[in-house]
Amino acid sequence: MAIWLNEGSRIIVQGITGAEGSKHTRRMVAGDSPLLGGVTPGKGGSTIEAHGRQLPVFDTVHEAVDATGANVSAIFVPPARTADAVMEAVGAGIGLIVCVTERVPVQDSSRFVEAALDAGVRLIGPNCPGIISPGIANAGIIPGGIARRGHIGLVSKSGTLTYQLMKEVGDLGMSTAVGIGGDPVIGTTHIDALAAFEEDPETEAIVMIGEIGGDAEERAAAFIADHVTKPVVGYVAGFTAPEGRTMGHAGAIVSGSSGTAEAKKAALEEAGVTVGRTPSETARLMRELVRAG
């Protein structure tokens, strides 16, 4: 078991012939992810070479689904085309969409996030690194070699911290790691991932990474208090960030005491979450928790 990716996942890449799409297609194939082809309008009938395989390119997602049985799409298209790409994947019946593209206009994100929710489609992103279940599948840009299969679930706003925490607890092994992205409007939240990890029998403990700005971490803390029985270790990026300044992601806006790392840490600790002040301390706390049984 894992969350959202499984042995039946069949992945395509929208924007497969572009610079980023082709690069990460080859990286996913090299990691034995079940990637079956991709979509670039106007280039249907061609192929792209990836580690000795010739992957077919289709003009539309519908054609790719009909030919390959794809049920997962990783989107690597420019921001101006992202909304159309997501809507096309939703319309073609893709069940899991990973939108890697950054700098997507918020009005576009609002429209396609709502469409995905209405269709019952799991959308991760935009502006996210994606999702990986080591040994099963990898959809997005998360490096495949930094963790082995195991029983720790990870959900993170930050792509870089996703990689770092995966590496730091790599000896424990991951069930699934999800990078949800830090934009103001995203398809999958901390709460969505926490609920899925709570239901996943393979996940025994959870690492949750947040960052300053907004109230997503406070809402996640309330959810943990009411609905999560598994141990959770947390980290909030931005303990040293100055107040009143936009930091990093578009969603990381701090005003007064609202959205600060200290406020989020306090909310998580009140919910029973052990919170580290650095990524390394967070990994150590998880390791101690696992050793304690």
C-alpha atoms as a PDB file:
ATOM      1  CA  MET A   1       0.000   0.000   0.000  1.00  0.00           C
ATOM      2  CA  ALA A   2       0.876   3.687  -0.408  1.00  0.00           C
ATOM      3  CA  ILE A   3      -1.172   6.816  -0.963  1.00  0.00           C
ATOM      4  CA  TRP A   4      -2.382   7.795  -4.430  1.00  0.00           C
ATOM      5  CA  LEU A   5       0.349   5.879  -6.287  1.00  0.00           C
ATOM      6  CA  ASN A   6       0.255   2.092  -6.433  1.00  0.00           C
ATOM      7  CA  GLU A   7       1.223  -0.901  -8.540  1.00  0.00           C
ATOM      8  CA  GLY A   8      -1.567  -0.039 -10.962  1.00  0.00           C
ATOM      9  CA  SER A   9      -0.313   3.495 -11.680  1.00  0.00           C
ATOM     10  CA  ARG A  10       0.320   4.202 -15.359  1.00  0.00           C
ATOM     11  CA  ILE A  11       1.965   7.572 -15.970  1.00  0.00           C
ATOM     12  CA  ILE A  12       2.080   9.953 -18.920  1.00  0.00           C
ATOM     13  CA  VAL A  13       3.811  13.337 -19.188  1.00  0.00           C
ATOM     14  CA  GLN A  14       2.063  16.355 -20.662  1.00  0.00           C
ATOM     15  CA  GLY A  15       4.762  18.440 -22.309  1.00  0.00           C
ATOM     16  CA  ILE A  16       6.983  15.382 -22.786  1.00  0.00           C
ATOM     17  CA  THR A  17       9.025  16.860 -25.652  1.00  0.00           C
ATOM     18  CA  GLY A  18       9.875  20.121 -23.876  1.00  0.00           C
ATOM     19  CA  ALA A  19      13.188  20.668 -22.122  1.00  0.00           C
ATOM     20  CA  GLU A  20      11.885  20.000 -18.603  1.00  0.00           C
ATOM     21  CA  GLY A  21       9.368  17.374 -19.623  1.00  0.00           C
ATOM     22  CA  SER A  22      11.907  15.301 -21.542  1.00  0.00           C
ATOM     23  CA  LYS A  23      14.572  15.641 -18.833  1.00  0.00           C
ATOM     24  CA  HIS A  24      12.311  14.465 -16.048  1.00  0.00           C
ATOM     25  CA  THR A  25      10.732  11.797 -18.236  1.00  0.00           C
ATOM     26  CA  ARG A  26      14.160  10.228 -18.613  1.00  0.00           C
ATOM     27  CA  ARG A  27      14.823  10.585 -14.899  1.00  0.00           C
ATOM     28  CA  MET A  28      11.533   8.911 -13.984  1.00  0.00           C
ATOM     29  CA  VAL A  29      12.148   6.090 -16.457  1.00  0.00           C
ATOM     30  CA  ALA A  30      15.652   5.613 -15.052  1.00  0.00           C
ATOM     31  CA  GLY A  31      14.047   5.125 -11.648  1.00  0.00           C
ATOM     32  CA  ASP A  32      11.775   2.382 -13.017  1.00  0.00           C
ATOM     33  CA  SER A  33       8.657   4.496 -12.704  1.00  0.00           C
ATOM     34  CA  PRO A  34       5.788   3.129 -14.861  1.00  0.00           C
ATOM     35  CA  LEU A  35       5.928   5.890 -17.479  1.00  0.00           C
ATOM     36  CA  LEU A  36       4.260   4.905 -20.749  1.00  0.00           C
ATOM     37  CA  GLY A  37       4.403   7.965 -23.000  1.00  0.00           C
ATOM     38  CA  GLY A  38       3.334  11.548 -23.207  1.00  0.00           C
ATOM     39  CA  VAL A  39       1.498  14.360 -24.920  1.00  0.00           C
ATOM     40  CA  THR A  40       2.655  17.296 -27.030  1.00  0.00           C
ATOM     41  CA  PRO A  41       0.055  18.748 -29.417  1.00  0.00           C
ATOM     42  CA  GLY A  42       1.288  18.591 -32.995  1.00  0.00           C
ATOM     43  CA  LYS A  43       3.905  15.920 -32.303  1.00  0.00           C
ATOM     44  CA  GLY A  44       1.650  12.878 -32.151  1.00  0.00           C
ATOM     45  CA  GLY A  45       3.118   9.811 -33.816  1.00  0.00           C
ATOM     46  CA  SER A  46       6.680  10.641 -32.814  1.00  0.00           C
ATOM     47  CA  THR A  47       8.646   9.056 -29.971  1.00  0.00           C
ATOM     48  CA  ILE A  48      11.074  10.137 -27.293  1.00  0.00           C
ATOM     49  CA  GLU A  49      14.021   7.970 -26.266  1.00  0.00           C
ATOM     50  CA  ALA A  50      14.409   7.296 -22.561  1.00  0.00           C
ATOM     51  CA  HIS A  51      17.069   4.857 -21.370  1.00  0.00           C
ATOM     52  CA  GLY A  52      16.679   2.452 -24.253  1.00  0.00           C
ATOM     53  CA  ARG A  53      12.900   2.779 -24.515  1.00  0.00           C
ATOM     54  CA  GLN A  54      10.996   4.588 -27.246  1.00  0.00           C
ATOM     55  CA  LEU A  55       8.053   6.288 -25.578  1.00  0.00           C
ATOM     56  CA  PRO A  56       5.140   7.267 -27.827  1.00  0.00           C
ATOM     57  CA  VAL A  57       4.015  10.887 -28.097  1.00  0.00           C
ATOM     58  CA  PHE A  58       0.334  11.691 -28.621  1.00  0.00           C
ATOM     59  CA  ASP A  59      -1.474  14.840 -29.676  1.00  0.00           C
ATOM     60  CA  THR A  60      -4.081  14.667 -26.912  1.00  0.00           C
ATOM     61  CA  VAL A  61      -4.505  13.187 -23.459  1.00  0.00           C
ATOM     62  CA  HIS A  62      -7.574  11.268 -24.671  1.00  0.00           C
ATOM     63  CA  GLU A  63      -5.404   9.528 -27.275  1.00  0.00           C
ATOM     64  CA  ALA A  64      -2.733   8.741 -24.689  1.00  0.00           C
ATOM     65  CA  VAL A  65      -5.296   7.279 -22.287  1.00  0.00           C
ATOM     66  CA  ASP A  66      -6.887   5.168 -25.023  1.00  0.00           C
ATOM     67  CA  ALA A  67      -3.510   3.815 -26.144  1.00  0.00           C
ATOM     68  CA  THR A  68      -1.777   3.283 -22.798  1.00  0.00           C
ATOM     69  CA  GLY A  69      -4.474   3.066 -20.143  1.00  0.00           C
ATOM     70  CA  ALA A  70      -2.819   5.984 -18.339  1.00  0.00           C
ATOM     71  CA  ASN A  71      -4.356   7.063 -15.034  1.00  0.00           C
ATOM     72  CA  VAL A  72      -1.636   9.500 -13.842  1.00  0.00           C
ATOM     73  CA  SER A  73      -0.357  12.615 -15.605  1.00  0.00           C
ATOM     74  CA  ALA A  74       2.652  14.763 -14.736  1.00  0.00           C
ATOM     75  CA  ILE A  75       2.312  18.219 -16.268  1.00  0.00           C
ATOM     76  CA  PHE A  76       5.376  20.105 -17.550  1.00  0.00           C
ATOM     77  CA  VAL A  77       3.937  22.890 -19.692  1.00  0.00           C
ATOM     78  CA  PRO A  78       4.415  26.692 -19.598  1.00  0.00           C
ATOM     79  CA  PRO A  79       2.250  28.647 -17.130  1.00  0.00           C
ATOM     80  CA  ALA A  80       0.046  30.132 -19.844  1.00  0.00           C
ATOM     81  CA  ARG A  81      -0.935  26.638 -21.031  1.00  0.00           C
ATOM     82  CA  THR A  82      -1.223  24.962 -17.639  1.00  0.00           C
ATOM     83  CA  ALA A  83      -4.939  25.537 -17.094  1.00  0.00           C
ATOM     84  CA  ASP A  84      -5.780  24.007 -20.475  1.00  0.00           C
ATOM     85  CA  ALA A  85      -3.472  21.048 -19.773  1.00  0.00           C
ATOM     86  CA  VAL A  86      -5.054  20.314 -16.391  1.00  0.00           C
ATOM     87  CA  MET A  87      -8.578  20.670 -17.765  1.00  0.00           C
ATOM     88  CA  GLU A  88      -7.721  18.326 -20.629  1.00  0.00           C
ATOM     89  CA  ALA A  89      -6.402  15.700 -18.206  1.00  0.00           C
ATOM     90  CA  VAL A  90      -9.512  16.040 -16.031  1.00  0.00           C
ATOM     91  CA  GLY A  91     -11.725  15.651 -19.077  1.00  0.00           C
ATOM     92  CA  ALA A  92      -9.821  12.577 -20.243  1.00  0.00           C
ATOM     93  CA  GLY A  93     -10.506  10.754 -16.980  1.00  0.00           C
ATOM     94  CA  ILE A  94      -7.020  10.937 -15.446  1.00  0.00           C
ATOM     95  CA  GLY A  95      -7.406  10.159 -11.742  1.00  0.00           C
ATOM     96  CA  LEU A  96      -4.167  11.660 -10.408  1.00  0.00           C
ATOM     97  CA  ILE A  97      -2.690  14.853 -11.852  1.00  0.00           C
ATOM     98  CA  VAL A  98       0.689  16.215 -10.739  1.00  0.00           C
ATOM     99  CA  CYS A  99       1.126  19.819 -11.870  1.00  0.00           C
ATOM    100  CA  VAL A 100       4.800  20.712 -11.563  1.00  0.00           C
ATOM    101  CA  THR A 101       4.572  24.058 -13.388  1.00  0.00           C
ATOM    102  CA  GLU A 102       5.378  27.149 -11.324  1.00  0.00           C
ATOM    103  CA  ARG A 103       4.223  30.771 -11.737  1.00  0.00           C
ATOM    104  CA  VAL A 104       0.701  29.705 -12.711  1.00  0.00           C
ATOM    105  CA  PRO A 105      -1.699  32.688 -12.459  1.00  0.00           C
ATOM    106  CA  VAL A 106      -3.882  32.353  -9.364  1.00  0.00           C
ATOM    107  CA  GLN A 107      -7.063  32.902 -11.355  1.00  0.00           C
ATOM    108  CA  ASP A 108      -6.121  29.912 -13.522  1.00  0.00           C
ATOM    109  CA  SER A 109      -5.279  27.758 -10.498  1.00  0.00           C
ATOM    110  CA  SER A 110      -8.596  28.628  -8.878  1.00  0.00           C
ATOM    111  CA  ARG A 111     -10.465  27.494 -11.968  1.00  0.00           C
ATOM    112  CA  PHE A 112      -8.740  24.181 -12.542  1.00  0.00           C
ATOM    113  CA  VAL A 113      -8.468  23.262  -8.853  1.00  0.00           C
ATOM    114  CA  GLU A 114     -12.250  23.630  -8.579  1.00  0.00           C
ATOM    115  CA  ALA A 115     -12.768  21.588 -11.749  1.00  0.00           C
ATOM    116  CA  ALA A 116     -10.564  18.778 -10.423  1.00  0.00           C
ATOM    117  CA  LEU A 117     -12.389  18.736  -7.082  1.00  0.00           C
ATOM    118  CA  ASP A 118     -15.782  18.662  -8.832  1.00  0.00           C
ATOM    119  CA  ALA A 119     -14.615  15.722 -10.969  1.00  0.00           C
ATOM    120  CA  GLY A 120     -13.218  13.779  -8.018  1.00  0.00           C
ATOM    121  CA  VAL A 121      -9.690  14.015  -9.426  1.00  0.00           C
ATOM    122  CA  ARG A 122      -6.675  14.103  -7.105  1.00  0.00           C
ATOM    123  CA  LEU A 123      -4.656  17.147  -8.202  1.00  0.00           C
ATOM    124  CA  ILE A 124      -1.251  17.806  -6.623  1.00  0.00           C
ATOM    125  CA  GLY A 125       0.146  21.290  -7.222  1.00  0.00           C
ATOM    126  CA  PRO A 126       0.628  23.528  -9.084  1.00  0.00           C
ATOM    127  CA  ASN A 127       4.209  24.560  -8.347  1.00  0.00           C
ATOM    128  CA  CYS A 128       5.015  21.283  -6.644  1.00  0.00           C
ATOM    129  CA  PRO A 129       7.701  18.579  -6.845  1.00  0.00           C
ATOM    130  CA  GLY A 130       5.139  15.791  -7.051  1.00  0.00           C
ATOM    131  CA  ILE A 131       4.771  12.438  -5.352  1.00  0.00           C
ATOM    132  CA  ILE A 132       6.901   9.337  -4.914  1.00  0.00           C
ATOM    133  CA  SER A 133       6.300   5.934  -3.402  1.00  0.00           C
ATOM    134  CA  PRO A 134       9.798   4.398  -3.485  1.00  0.00           C
ATOM    135  CA  GLY A 135       9.899   1.125  -5.368  1.00  0.00           C
ATOM    136  CA  ILE A 136       6.429   1.693  -6.835  1.00  0.00           C
ATOM    137  CA  ALA A 137       6.197   4.931  -8.819  1.00  0.00           C
ATOM    138  CA  ASN A 138       7.418   8.512  -9.050  1.00  0.00           C
ATOM    139  CA  ALA A 139       5.439  11.307 -10.714  1.00  0.00           C
ATOM    140  CA  GLY A 140       7.136  14.694 -10.813  1.00  0.00           C
ATOM    141  CA  ILE A 141      10.662  15.884 -10.078  1.00  0.00           C
ATOM    142  CA  ILE A 142      11.489  14.260  -6.716  1.00  0.00           C
ATOM    143  CA  PRO A 143      14.890  12.507  -6.955  1.00  0.00           C
ATOM    144  CA  GLY A 144      14.213   8.790  -6.893  1.00  0.00           C
ATOM    145  CA  GLY A 145      17.400   7.593  -5.222  1.00  0.00           C
ATOM    146  CA  ILE A 146      17.244   9.384  -1.866  1.00  0.00           C
ATOM    147  CA  ALA A 147      14.957   7.009   0.015  1.00  0.00           C
ATOM    148  CA  ARG A 148      14.061   3.359   0.160  1.00  0.00           C
ATOM    149  CA  ARG A 149      10.698   1.752   0.752  1.00  0.00           C
ATOM    150  CA  GLY A 150       9.514   1.997   4.341  1.00  0.00           C
ATOM    151  CA  HIS A 151       6.828   3.214   6.691  1.00  0.00           C
ATOM    152  CA  ILE A 152       7.263   7.002   7.039  1.00  0.00           C
ATOM    153  CA  GLY A 153       4.826   9.293   5.244  1.00  0.00           C
ATOM    154  CA  LEU A 154       5.929  12.808   4.327  1.00  0.00           C
ATOM    155  CA  VAL A 155       3.884  15.842   3.278  1.00  0.00           C
ATOM    156  CA  SER A 156       5.588  19.151   2.557  1.00  0.00           C
ATOM    157  CA  LYS A 157       4.923  22.594   1.112  1.00  0.00           C
ATOM    158  CA  SER A 158       8.564  23.033   0.113  1.00  0.00           C
ATOM    159  CA  GLY A 159      10.198  21.041  -2.667  1.00  0.00           C
ATOM    160  CA  THR A 160      13.727  21.477  -1.337  1.00  0.00           C
ATOM    161  CA  LEU A 161      12.708  20.449   2.168  1.00  0.00           C
ATOM    162  CA  THR A 162      10.878  17.449   0.751  1.00  0.00           C
ATOM    163  CA  TYR A 163      14.179  16.236  -0.656  1.00  0.00           C
ATOM    164  CA  GLN A 164      16.161  17.083   2.466  1.00  0.00           C
ATOM    165  CA  LEU A 165      13.819  15.320   4.874  1.00  0.00           C
ATOM    166  CA  MET A 166      13.561  12.306   2.578  1.00  0.00           C
ATOM    167  CA  LYS A 167      17.357  12.111   2.613  1.00  0.00           C
ATOM    168  CA  GLU A 168      17.636  12.644   6.363  1.00  0.00           C
ATOM    169  CA  VAL A 169      15.138   9.899   7.221  1.00  0.00           C
ATOM    170  CA  GLY A 170      16.050   7.764   4.222  1.00  0.00           C
ATOM    171  CA  ASP A 171      17.379   4.991   6.447  1.00  0.00           C
ATOM    172  CA  LEU A 172      13.891   4.603   7.935  1.00  0.00           C
ATOM    173  CA  GLY A 173      12.286   4.376   4.506  1.00  0.00           C
ATOM    174  CA  MET A 174       9.252   6.130   3.049  1.00  0.00           C
ATOM    175  CA  SER A 175       5.778   4.862   2.254  1.00  0.00           C
ATOM    176  CA  THR A 176       4.967   7.964   0.207  1.00  0.00           C
ATOM    177  CA  ALA A 177       6.365  11.495   0.039  1.00  0.00           C
ATOM    178  CA  VAL A 178       4.124  14.264  -1.300  1.00  0.00           C
ATOM    179  CA  GLY A 179       5.220  17.785  -2.153  1.00  0.00           C
ATOM    180  CA  ILE A 180       1.996  19.787  -2.244  1.00  0.00           C
ATOM    181  CA  GLY A 181       3.449  23.158  -3.289  1.00  0.00           C
ATOM    182  CA  GLY A 182       3.300  26.535  -1.608  1.00  0.00           C
ATOM    183  CA  ASP A 183       1.052  28.576  -3.899  1.00  0.00           C
ATOM    184  CA  PRO A 184      -2.014  30.286  -2.419  1.00  0.00           C
ATOM    185  CA  VAL A 185      -4.346  27.922  -4.342  1.00  0.00           C
ATOM    186  CA  ILE A 186      -3.366  24.249  -4.556  1.00  0.00           C
ATOM    187  CA  GLY A 187      -5.223  21.055  -5.278  1.00  0.00           C
ATOM    188  CA  THR A 188      -3.986  18.968  -2.349  1.00  0.00           C
ATOM    189  CA  THR A 189      -3.523  20.251   1.190  1.00  0.00           C
ATOM    190  CA  HIS A 190      -1.704  19.044   4.277  1.00  0.00           C
ATOM    191  CA  ILE A 191      -5.058  17.802   5.569  1.00  0.00           C
ATOM    192  CA  ASP A 192      -5.711  15.734   2.429  1.00  0.00           C
ATOM    193  CA  ALA A 193      -2.347  13.999   2.797  1.00  0.00           C
ATOM    194  CA  LEU A 194      -2.701  13.534   6.565  1.00  0.00           C
ATOM    195  CA  ALA A 195      -6.100  11.888   6.085  1.00  0.00           C
ATOM    196  CA  ALA A 196      -4.676   9.556   3.439  1.00  0.00           C
ATOM    197  CA  PHE A 197      -1.674   8.624   5.593  1.00  0.00           C
ATOM    198  CA  GLU A 198      -3.986   7.951   8.542  1.00  0.00           C
ATOM    199  CA  GLU A 199      -5.898   5.444   6.395  1.00  0.00           C
ATOM    200  CA  ASP A 200      -2.801   3.842   4.848  1.00  0.00           C
ATOM    201  CA  PRO A 201      -1.839   0.660   6.728  1.00  0.00           C
ATOM    202  CA  GLU A 202       1.770   0.883   5.533  1.00  0.00           C
ATOM    203  CA  THR A 203       2.357   4.351   6.986  1.00  0.00           C
ATOM    204  CA  GLU A 204       3.291   4.160  10.662  1.00  0.00           C
ATOM    205  CA  ALA A 205       4.422   7.751  11.308  1.00  0.00           C
ATOM    206  CA  ILE A 206       4.184  11.069   9.482  1.00  0.00           C
ATOM    207  CA  VAL A 207       6.499  14.016   8.850  1.00  0.00           C
ATOM    208  CA  MET A 208       4.675  17.262   8.075  1.00  0.00           C
ATOM    209  CA  ILE A 209       6.615  20.256   6.719  1.00  0.00           C
ATOM    210  CA  GLY A 210       5.047  23.695   6.624  1.00  0.00           C
ATOM    211  CA  GLU A 211       6.253  27.233   6.248  1.00  0.00           C
ATOM    212  CA  ILE A 212       5.413  30.736   7.369  1.00  0.00           C
ATOM    213  CA  GLY A 213       2.367  32.513   5.991  1.00  0.00           C
ATOM    214  CA  GLY A 214      -1.324  31.689   5.895  1.00  0.00           C
ATOM    215  CA  ASP A 215      -3.088  29.338   8.280  1.00  0.00           C
ATOM    216  CA  ALA A 216      -2.730  25.951   6.555  1.00  0.00           C
ATOM    217  CA  GLU A 217      -0.546  24.547   9.325  1.00  0.00           C
ATOM    218  CA  GLU A 218      -2.943  25.707  12.057  1.00  0.00           C
ATOM    219  CA  ARG A 219      -5.821  24.019  10.230  1.00  0.00           C
ATOM    220  CA  ALA A 220      -3.716  20.889   9.842  1.00  0.00           C
ATOM    221  CA  ALA A 221      -2.982  20.957  13.576  1.00  0.00           C
ATOM    222  CA  ALA A 222      -6.711  21.032  14.352  1.00  0.00           C
ATOM    223  CA  PHE A 223      -7.242  18.091  11.988  1.00  0.00           C
ATOM    224  CA  ILE A 224      -4.434  16.120  13.615  1.00  0.00           C
ATOM    225  CA  ALA A 225      -5.892  16.694  17.048  1.00  0.00           C
ATOM    226  CA  ASP A 226      -9.296  15.365  15.983  1.00  0.00           C
ATOM    227  CA  HIS A 227      -8.528  12.722  13.366  1.00  0.00           C
ATOM    228  CA  VAL A 228      -4.912  11.478  13.315  1.00  0.00           C
ATOM    229  CA  THR A 229      -3.892   8.659  15.648  1.00  0.00           C
ATOM    230  CA  LYS A 230      -0.442   8.058  14.179  1.00  0.00           C
ATOM    231  CA  PRO A 231       2.575   9.977  15.534  1.00  0.00           C
ATOM    232  CA  VAL A 232       3.416  13.167  13.653  1.00  0.00           C
ATOM    233  CA  VAL A 233       6.689  15.094  13.651  1.00  0.00           C
ATOM    234  CA  GLY A 234       6.612  18.579  12.183  1.00  0.00           C
ATOM    235  CA  TYR A 235       8.857  21.354  10.923  1.00  0.00           C
ATOM    236  CA  VAL A 236       7.916  24.911   9.970  1.00  0.00           C
ATOM    237  CA  ALA A 237      10.339  26.748   7.716  1.00  0.00           C
ATOM    238  CA  GLY A 238      10.915  30.405   8.544  1.00  0.00           C
ATOM    239  CA  PHE A 239      11.776  30.721  12.252  1.00  0.00           C
ATOM    240  CA  THR A 240      14.259  33.507  11.435  1.00  0.00           C
ATOM    241  CA  ALA A 241      12.173  35.262   8.755  1.00  0.00           C
ATOM    242  CA  PRO A 242      11.412  38.963   9.371  1.00  0.00           C
ATOM    243  CA  GLU A 243       7.779  39.912   9.938  1.00  0.00           C
ATOM    244  CA  GLY A 244       5.760  41.766   7.328  1.00  0.00           C
ATOM    245  CA  ARG A 245       7.670  40.408   4.352  1.00  0.00           C
ATOM    246  CA  THR A 246       6.761  37.997   1.569  1.00  0.00           C
ATOM    247  CA  MET A 247       9.164  35.065   1.675  1.00  0.00           C
ATOM    248  CA  GLY A 248       9.722  32.496  -1.063  1.00  0.00           C
ATOM    249  CA  HIS A 249       6.436  30.936  -2.119  1.00  0.00           C
ATOM    250  CA  ALA A 250       3.531  33.158  -3.033  1.00  0.00           C
ATOM    251  CA  GLY A 251       1.641  31.808  -0.050  1.00  0.00           C
ATOM    252  CA  ALA A 252       4.331  32.669   2.507  1.00  0.00           C
ATOM    253  CA  ILE A 253       3.102  36.062   3.651  1.00  0.00           C
ATOM    254  CA  VAL A 254       3.442  37.031   7.310  1.00  0.00           C
ATOM    255  CA  SER A 255       1.546  39.885   8.961  1.00  0.00           C
ATOM    256  CA  GLY A 256       2.128  40.630  12.637  1.00  0.00           C
ATOM    257  CA  SER A 257       1.869  37.433  14.657  1.00  0.00           C
ATOM    258  CA  SER A 258      -0.352  35.758  12.067  1.00  0.00           C
ATOM    259  CA  GLY A 259       1.390  33.078  10.061  1.00  0.00           C
ATOM    260  CA  THR A 260       4.660  33.102  11.984  1.00  0.00           C
ATOM    261  CA  ALA A 261       6.691  29.959  12.533  1.00  0.00           C
ATOM    262  CA  GLU A 262       6.314  30.284  16.311  1.00  0.00           C
ATOM    263  CA  ALA A 263       2.515  30.510  16.059  1.00  0.00           C
ATOM    264  CA  LYS A 264       2.390  27.453  13.823  1.00  0.00           C
ATOM    265  CA  LYS A 265       4.776  25.538  16.082  1.00  0.00           C
ATOM    266  CA  ALA A 266       2.581  26.308  19.084  1.00  0.00           C
ATOM    267  CA  ALA A 267      -0.569  25.121  17.277  1.00  0.00           C
ATOM    268  CA  LEU A 268       1.089  21.884  16.204  1.00  0.00           C
ATOM    269  CA  GLU A 269       2.505  21.165  19.652  1.00  0.00           C
ATOM    270  CA  GLU A 270      -0.892  21.767  21.214  1.00  0.00           C
ATOM    271  CA  ALA A 271      -2.207  19.064  18.858  1.00  0.00           C
ATOM    272  CA  GLY A 272       0.446  16.619  20.072  1.00  0.00           C
ATOM    273  CA  VAL A 273       2.900  17.083  17.216  1.00  0.00           C
ATOM    274  CA  THR A 274       6.612  17.071  18.044  1.00  0.00           C
ATOM    275  CA  VAL A 275       8.155  20.035  16.204  1.00  0.00           C
ATOM    276  CA  GLY A 276      11.801  20.467  15.252  1.00  0.00           C
ATOM    277  CA  ARG A 277      13.435  23.854  14.736  1.00  0.00           C
ATOM    278  CA  THR A 278      15.663  22.608  11.905  1.00  0.00           C
ATOM    279  CA  PRO A 279      15.268  19.867   9.303  1.00  0.00           C
ATOM    280  CA  SER A 280      18.044  17.832  10.926  1.00  0.00           C
ATOM    281  CA  GLU A 281      16.433  18.107  14.355  1.00  0.00           C
ATOM    282  CA  THR A 282      13.115  17.060  12.814  1.00  0.00           C
ATOM    283  CA  ALA A 283      14.731  13.963  11.325  1.00  0.00           C
ATOM    284  CA  ARG A 284      16.343  13.162  14.669  1.00  0.00           C
ATOM    285  CA  LEU A 285      13.016  13.482  16.452  1.00  0.00           C
ATOM    286  CA  MET A 286      11.408  11.093  13.983  1.00  0.00           C
ATOM    287  CA  ARG A 287      14.253   8.625  14.389  1.00  0.00           C
ATOM    288  CA  GLU A 288      13.886   8.752  18.182  1.00  0.00           C
ATOM    289  CA  LEU A 289      10.153   8.285  17.896  1.00  0.00           C
ATOM    290  CA  VAL A 290      10.552   5.212  15.695  1.00  0.00           C
ATOM    291  CA  ARG A 291      13.180   3.709  18.020  1.00  0.00           C
ATOM    292  CA  ALA A 292      10.859   4.242  20.985  1.00  0.00           C
ATOM    293  CA  GLY A 293       8.218   2.170  19.225  1.00  0.00           C
END
